[in-house]
Amino acid sequence: MKKDEIDHIIFENHHTPIVDYRVFAKAQEQRKHRTSSNYRGIKKYENVYSGFSVCGDCGTPMFSMSRRYLKPAYTCGTYHRRGPKG
């Protein structure tokens, strides 16, 4: 069962950090930037096959991808999440 945030016990500076705070803060900033819509791609065209196309190998729904440097294409959801060994 998940505890409410009010029930959490927090110990500040409990152990020696592996990563310096400045490095951690910079990594968090980059992570936040990468999860923005710019990193995920911009919808450039209408997804006409949304909900209709499935992967011929695993049966997972396929979704559209559009990037500045790639032509619009569809990719297997499993391949995208887990890689070629999915």
C-alpha atoms as a PDB file:
ATOM      1  CA  MET A   1       0.000   0.000   0.000  1.00  0.00           C
ATOM      2  CA  LYS A   2       1.373   3.395  -0.948  1.00  0.00           C
ATOM      3  CA  LYS A   3       1.767   5.869   1.916  1.00  0.00           C
ATOM      4  CA  ASP A   4       0.571   9.426   1.690  1.00  0.00           C
ATOM      5  CA  GLU A   5       3.279  12.007   1.199  1.00  0.00           C
ATOM      6  CA  ILE A   6       2.599  13.412   4.655  1.00  0.00           C
ATOM      7  CA  ASP A   7       3.585  10.026   6.165  1.00  0.00           C
ATOM      8  CA  HIS A   8       6.989   9.953   4.427  1.00  0.00           C
ATOM      9  CA  ILE A   9      10.062  10.157   6.632  1.00  0.00           C
ATOM     10  CA  ILE A  10      12.840  12.183   5.012  1.00  0.00           C
ATOM     11  CA  PHE A  11      16.454  12.262   6.206  1.00  0.00           C
ATOM     12  CA  GLU A  12      18.377  15.158   4.675  1.00  0.00           C
ATOM     13  CA  ASN A  13      22.096  14.525   3.980  1.00  0.00           C
ATOM     14  CA  HIS A  14      21.842  10.980   5.347  1.00  0.00           C
ATOM     15  CA  HIS A  15      24.689   9.618   3.228  1.00  0.00           C
ATOM     16  CA  THR A  16      27.544  10.853   1.076  1.00  0.00           C
ATOM     17  CA  PRO A  17      26.146  11.528  -2.403  1.00  0.00           C
ATOM     18  CA  ILE A  18      27.600   9.674  -5.376  1.00  0.00           C
ATOM     19  CA  VAL A  19      26.854  12.601  -7.691  1.00  0.00           C
ATOM     20  CA  ASP A  20      27.630  16.223  -6.854  1.00  0.00           C
ATOM     21  CA  TYR A  21      24.500  18.354  -6.386  1.00  0.00           C
ATOM     22  CA  ARG A  22      25.420  20.677  -9.275  1.00  0.00           C
ATOM     23  CA  VAL A  23      25.807  17.702 -11.646  1.00  0.00           C
ATOM     24  CA  PHE A  24      22.490  16.286 -10.409  1.00  0.00           C
ATOM     25  CA  ALA A  25      20.708  19.613 -10.910  1.00  0.00           C
ATOM     26  CA  LYS A  26      22.129  19.948 -14.441  1.00  0.00           C
ATOM     27  CA  ALA A  27      21.023  16.402 -15.305  1.00  0.00           C
ATOM     28  CA  GLN A  28      17.520  17.114 -14.004  1.00  0.00           C
ATOM     29  CA  GLU A  29      17.392  20.280 -16.103  1.00  0.00           C
ATOM     30  CA  GLN A  30      18.410  18.340 -19.232  1.00  0.00           C
ATOM     31  CA  ARG A  31      15.869  15.612 -18.415  1.00  0.00           C
ATOM     32  CA  LYS A  32      13.117  18.192 -18.080  1.00  0.00           C
ATOM     33  CA  HIS A  33      14.102  19.761 -21.413  1.00  0.00           C
ATOM     34  CA  ARG A  34      14.164  16.384 -23.192  1.00  0.00           C
ATOM     35  CA  THR A  35      10.658  15.462 -22.077  1.00  0.00           C
ATOM     36  CA  SER A  36       9.206  18.591 -23.654  1.00  0.00           C
ATOM     37  CA  SER A  37       7.251  18.422 -26.895  1.00  0.00           C
ATOM     38  CA  ASN A  38      10.344  19.476 -28.858  1.00  0.00           C
ATOM     39  CA  TYR A  39      12.086  16.214 -28.027  1.00  0.00           C
ATOM     40  CA  ARG A  40       9.068  13.997 -28.668  1.00  0.00           C
ATOM     41  CA  GLY A  41       8.461  15.309 -32.152  1.00  0.00           C
ATOM     42  CA  ILE A  42       5.869  17.605 -33.595  1.00  0.00           C
ATOM     43  CA  LYS A  43       2.733  16.384 -35.312  1.00  0.00           C
ATOM     44  CA  LYS A  44       3.273  17.405 -38.933  1.00  0.00           C
ATOM     45  CA  TYR A  45       0.534  15.407 -40.604  1.00  0.00           C
ATOM     46  CA  GLU A  46      -2.772  13.736 -39.822  1.00  0.00           C
ATOM     47  CA  ASN A  47      -2.426  10.224 -38.442  1.00  0.00           C
ATOM     48  CA  VAL A  48      -4.925   8.519 -40.759  1.00  0.00           C
ATOM     49  CA  TYR A  49      -4.183   4.947 -39.592  1.00  0.00           C
ATOM     50  CA  SER A  50      -4.432   5.674 -35.877  1.00  0.00           C
ATOM     51  CA  GLY A  51      -6.004   2.684 -34.150  1.00  0.00           C
ATOM     52  CA  PHE A  52      -6.043   0.559 -37.318  1.00  0.00           C
ATOM     53  CA  SER A  53      -2.470  -0.558 -37.929  1.00  0.00           C
ATOM     54  CA  VAL A  54      -0.837  -3.292 -35.846  1.00  0.00           C
ATOM     55  CA  CYS A  55       2.609  -4.870 -36.002  1.00  0.00           C
ATOM     56  CA  GLY A  56       2.697  -8.017 -38.130  1.00  0.00           C
ATOM     57  CA  ASP A  57       5.225  -9.670 -35.791  1.00  0.00           C
ATOM     58  CA  CYS A  58       3.853  -9.041 -32.303  1.00  0.00           C
ATOM     59  CA  GLY A  59       0.379  -7.550 -32.816  1.00  0.00           C
ATOM     60  CA  THR A  60       1.181  -4.379 -30.883  1.00  0.00           C
ATOM     61  CA  PRO A  61      -0.495  -1.195 -32.150  1.00  0.00           C
ATOM     62  CA  MET A  62       1.779   0.902 -34.318  1.00  0.00           C
ATOM     63  CA  PHE A  63       2.082   4.638 -33.928  1.00  0.00           C
ATOM     64  CA  SER A  64       3.300   7.470 -36.082  1.00  0.00           C
ATOM     65  CA  MET A  65       6.616   9.230 -35.644  1.00  0.00           C
ATOM     66  CA  SER A  66       7.674  12.519 -37.134  1.00  0.00           C
ATOM     67  CA  ARG A  67      11.029  14.159 -36.641  1.00  0.00           C
ATOM     68  CA  ARG A  68      12.794  16.987 -38.415  1.00  0.00           C
ATOM     69  CA  TYR A  69      15.384  14.662 -39.922  1.00  0.00           C
ATOM     70  CA  LEU A  70      13.085  11.702 -40.752  1.00  0.00           C
ATOM     71  CA  LYS A  71      10.163  11.234 -43.070  1.00  0.00           C
ATOM     72  CA  PRO A  72       6.813  10.491 -41.388  1.00  0.00           C
ATOM     73  CA  ALA A  73       6.622   6.782 -40.577  1.00  0.00           C
ATOM     74  CA  TYR A  74       4.906   4.188 -38.392  1.00  0.00           C
ATOM     75  CA  THR A  75       6.777   2.058 -35.883  1.00  0.00           C
ATOM     76  CA  CYS A  76       5.956  -0.904 -33.663  1.00  0.00           C
ATOM     77  CA  GLY A  77       5.178   0.135 -30.099  1.00  0.00           C
ATOM     78  CA  THR A  78       7.142  -2.799 -28.646  1.00  0.00           C
ATOM     79  CA  TYR A  79      10.194  -2.013 -30.768  1.00  0.00           C
ATOM     80  CA  HIS A  80      10.035   1.627 -29.744  1.00  0.00           C
ATOM     81  CA  ARG A  81       9.761   0.855 -26.007  1.00  0.00           C
ATOM     82  CA  ARG A  82      11.981  -2.229 -25.685  1.00  0.00           C
ATOM     83  CA  GLY A  83      14.313  -2.103 -28.671  1.00  0.00           C
ATOM     84  CA  PRO A  84      15.093  -4.769 -31.268  1.00  0.00           C
ATOM     85  CA  LYS A  85      15.225  -7.601 -28.707  1.00  0.00           C
ATOM     86  CA  GLY A  86      11.791  -6.569 -27.300  1.00  0.00           C
END
